[in-house]
Protein backbone atom coordinates (compact mmCIF):
# COMPACT_ATOMS: atom_id res chain seq x y z
CA UNK A 1 -12.99 -21.72 37.26
CA UNK A 2 -14.40 -23.27 33.99
CA UNK A 3 -11.41 -21.57 32.29
CA UNK A 4 -9.60 -24.89 32.27
CA UNK A 5 -12.31 -26.50 30.38
CA UNK A 6 -12.82 -23.33 27.74
CA UNK A 7 -11.36 -23.50 24.90
CA UNK A 8 -10.83 -20.71 22.92
CA UNK A 9 -11.14 -19.85 19.07
CA UNK A 10 -11.37 -17.60 16.02
CA UNK A 11 -13.24 -18.11 12.96
CA UNK A 12 -10.50 -16.65 10.55
CA UNK A 13 -7.57 -17.39 8.95
CA UNK A 14 -3.42 -16.71 10.03
CA UNK A 15 -0.75 -16.90 7.82
CA UNK A 16 2.68 -15.92 8.62
CA UNK A 17 5.42 -16.37 6.11
CA UNK A 18 8.90 -15.20 5.69
CA UNK A 19 9.73 -13.54 2.29
CA UNK A 20 13.45 -12.65 1.04
CA UNK A 21 14.20 -9.94 -1.16
CA UNK A 22 16.57 -11.21 -4.60
CA UNK A 23 18.42 -8.34 -6.46
CA UNK A 24 19.58 -10.41 -8.49
CA UNK A 25 18.90 -8.69 -11.76
CA UNK A 26 19.32 -4.96 -10.99
CA UNK A 27 17.46 -2.19 -13.36
CA UNK A 28 19.92 0.44 -15.44
CA UNK A 29 19.16 2.91 -13.35
CA UNK A 30 20.84 1.11 -10.66
CA UNK A 31 24.34 0.12 -12.22
CA UNK A 32 27.19 1.96 -11.40
CA UNK A 33 28.87 4.34 -14.08
CA UNK A 34 32.34 3.39 -15.07
CA UNK A 35 33.64 6.07 -12.84
CA UNK A 36 31.63 5.41 -9.49
CA UNK A 37 33.05 2.45 -7.42
CA UNK A 38 31.39 -0.34 -6.26
CA UNK A 39 29.65 -0.18 -3.08
CA UNK A 40 30.01 -2.68 -0.19
CA UNK A 41 26.62 -3.87 1.18
CA UNK A 42 26.45 -1.98 5.05
CA UNK A 43 25.11 -5.39 6.17
CA UNK A 44 23.46 -9.01 5.15
CA UNK A 45 20.39 -7.79 5.54
CA UNK A 46 21.06 -5.08 2.22
CA UNK A 47 22.10 -7.94 0.05
CA UNK A 48 19.11 -10.34 0.48
CA UNK A 49 16.76 -8.40 2.99
CA UNK A 50 14.05 -10.32 4.67
CA UNK A 51 10.89 -9.65 5.82
CA UNK A 52 8.36 -11.33 8.15
CA UNK A 53 4.86 -11.02 7.01
CA UNK A 54 1.41 -12.25 8.92
CA UNK A 55 -1.73 -12.23 6.84
CA UNK A 56 -4.74 -12.51 9.73
CA UNK A 57 -8.39 -11.94 9.49
CA UNK A 58 -10.67 -12.06 12.25
CA UNK A 59 -14.48 -12.62 11.35
CA UNK A 60 -17.09 -11.32 13.58
CA UNK A 61 -19.13 -13.62 15.64
CA UNK A 62 -22.20 -11.11 15.26
CA UNK A 63 -24.66 -11.36 12.26
CA UNK A 64 -22.10 -13.82 10.47
CA UNK A 65 -24.05 -15.92 7.90
CA UNK A 66 -24.86 -17.31 4.39
CA UNK A 67 -24.51 -14.60 1.30
CA UNK A 68 -27.87 -13.26 0.20
CA UNK A 69 -29.44 -14.90 3.83
CA UNK A 70 -27.37 -12.73 5.94
CA UNK A 71 -27.26 -8.81 4.86
CA UNK A 72 -27.39 -4.96 6.18
CA UNK A 73 -27.23 -4.00 10.04
CA UNK A 74 -28.98 -5.18 13.45
CA UNK A 75 -30.68 -3.06 16.29
CA UNK A 76 -27.35 -3.04 17.67
CA UNK A 77 -24.91 -1.22 15.08
CA UNK A 78 -23.65 -4.90 13.78
CA UNK A 79 -23.03 -5.47 10.13
CA UNK A 80 -23.47 -8.96 8.81
CA UNK A 81 -20.41 -10.94 7.43
CA UNK A 82 -17.80 -8.47 8.97
CA UNK A 83 -13.77 -9.47 8.85
CA UNK A 84 -10.93 -7.72 10.57
CA UNK A 85 -7.71 -8.17 8.31
CA UNK A 86 -4.40 -6.96 9.64
CA UNK A 87 -1.41 -6.93 7.42
CA UNK A 88 1.85 -6.83 9.56
CA UNK A 89 5.31 -6.40 8.05
CA UNK A 90 8.12 -7.13 10.49
CA UNK A 91 11.80 -6.30 9.14
CA UNK A 92 15.10 -4.88 10.77
CA UNK A 93 13.55 -4.51 14.37
CA UNK A 94 10.15 -2.45 12.65
CA UNK A 95 6.75 -3.63 12.94
CA UNK A 96 4.29 -2.09 10.22
CA UNK A 97 0.88 -3.04 10.47
CA UNK A 98 -2.14 -2.23 7.76
CA UNK A 99 -6.04 -2.94 9.08
CA UNK A 100 -8.73 -3.40 6.69
CA UNK A 101 -12.29 -4.25 7.53
CA UNK A 102 -15.08 -5.13 5.64
CA UNK A 103 -18.96 -5.70 5.84
CA UNK A 104 -22.43 -5.20 4.92
CA UNK A 105 -23.44 -2.01 4.40
CA UNK A 106 -25.21 -0.52 7.29
CA UNK A 107 -28.55 -0.53 6.89
CA UNK A 108 -31.46 -2.21 7.26
CA UNK A 109 -31.88 -4.49 4.11
CA UNK A 110 -32.42 -8.08 2.80
CA UNK A 111 -32.35 -9.81 -0.14
CA UNK A 112 -35.24 -12.76 -0.80
CA UNK A 113 -35.08 -16.11 -2.76
CA UNK A 114 -32.07 -18.47 -3.91
CA UNK A 115 -31.76 -17.78 -7.48
CA UNK A 116 -28.61 -15.60 -8.79
CA UNK A 117 -28.19 -12.25 -7.22
CA UNK A 118 -31.39 -11.63 -6.18
CA UNK A 119 -32.64 -7.63 -6.25
CA UNK A 120 -32.06 -6.30 -2.87
CA UNK A 121 -34.67 -3.97 -0.78
CA UNK A 122 -34.77 -1.82 2.02
CA UNK A 123 -36.35 -3.35 5.23
CA UNK A 124 -37.02 0.19 7.15
CA UNK A 125 -36.77 3.80 6.78
CA UNK A 126 -34.22 6.09 6.82
CA UNK A 127 -35.07 7.51 10.21
CA UNK A 128 -35.28 3.80 12.17
CA UNK A 129 -31.99 3.21 10.19
CA UNK A 130 -30.13 6.33 11.48
CA UNK A 131 -29.08 5.19 15.18
CA UNK A 132 -28.43 1.51 13.90
CA UNK A 133 -25.88 3.56 11.48
CA UNK A 134 -24.45 5.75 14.02
CA UNK A 135 -23.86 3.10 16.59
CA UNK A 136 -22.08 0.63 13.49
CA UNK A 137 -19.62 3.64 12.78
CA UNK A 138 -19.39 5.01 16.97
CA UNK A 139 -17.65 1.55 17.03
CA UNK A 140 -15.30 1.63 14.14
CA UNK A 141 -14.01 4.92 15.01
CA UNK A 142 -13.66 3.98 18.59
CA UNK A 143 -11.53 0.86 17.39
CA UNK A 144 -9.28 2.90 14.41
CA UNK A 145 -10.20 6.73 14.60
CA UNK A 146 -10.56 7.41 11.21
CA UNK A 147 -11.91 5.13 8.59
CA UNK A 148 -11.99 5.57 4.69
CA UNK A 149 -15.43 4.00 3.29
CA UNK A 150 -15.23 2.13 -0.11
CA UNK A 151 -18.60 1.49 -1.32
CA UNK A 152 -18.18 -1.02 -3.96
CA UNK A 153 -22.43 -1.51 -4.59
CA UNK A 154 -23.02 -1.25 -8.41
CA UNK A 155 -24.49 2.57 -8.48
CA UNK A 156 -26.68 2.45 -11.90
CA UNK A 157 -27.73 -1.19 -11.43
CA UNK A 158 -30.15 -3.49 -8.76
CA UNK A 159 -27.91 -2.52 -5.89
CA UNK A 160 -28.27 1.38 -7.02
CA UNK A 161 -31.25 1.49 -4.26
CA UNK A 162 -28.65 0.17 -1.31
CA UNK A 163 -25.47 2.54 -2.69
CA UNK A 164 -28.27 5.61 -1.97
CA UNK A 165 -29.39 4.63 1.35
CA UNK A 166 -25.55 4.13 1.93
CA UNK A 167 -24.62 7.65 1.34
CA UNK A 168 -27.82 9.24 2.50
CA UNK A 169 -26.54 7.62 6.02
CA UNK A 170 -22.64 9.17 5.50
CA UNK A 171 -23.99 12.72 5.13
CA UNK A 172 -26.41 12.56 7.91
CA UNK A 173 -23.71 11.17 10.17
CA UNK A 174 -21.86 13.91 9.07
CA UNK A 175 -18.31 12.66 10.77
CA UNK A 176 -15.26 14.31 9.54
CA UNK A 177 -13.28 10.92 10.75
CA UNK A 178 -15.24 9.72 7.94
CA UNK A 179 -13.71 9.71 4.28
CA UNK A 180 -16.68 8.13 2.12
CA UNK A 181 -15.40 6.70 -1.63
CA UNK A 182 -17.52 5.39 -4.34
CA UNK A 183 -16.26 2.79 -6.15
CA UNK A 184 -18.01 1.00 -8.93
CA UNK A 185 -15.75 -1.97 -10.35
CA UNK A 186 -18.52 -3.32 -11.95
CA UNK A 187 -17.81 -0.41 -14.42
CA UNK A 188 -14.00 -0.99 -14.95
CA UNK A 189 -14.81 -4.89 -15.09
């Protein structure tokens, strides 16, 4: 009976744009030879195809917080600063969707202090982390069926302790629907 007074809101971002592809300049491969008669476009969309593109990001209400103040996983398997971003493309009466999620490494860890890039520390043992890690990924797999985990933490520097703990939890969980990839972008910077 109070629904009239409740305003649903999301913490996130939505943008929808129509994109038109203009092939005004064609490559040499696209040009026909003198012996090939010019092809007439079969429909208007073949000349200047248009796409409707939507980008939707939804931030979780669980464990939202400032960087360096909210990290890791909680006892229910919620990770800090979790965001689901969906890209939708609609073309020729077909809609395609790609979903990417991001969040803090799902182990118990923190960073203390306000100085630039404080040193991370593990707050609970490997055994204390197992159930919460499992809860996090069971929820992920319930929604998305399969996931590719891309670990972006520094694999050799001050974040190594977090990356090692993450990999150890993935190995302990041992689920065929998870693919783990370690990508140290600090090496490629």
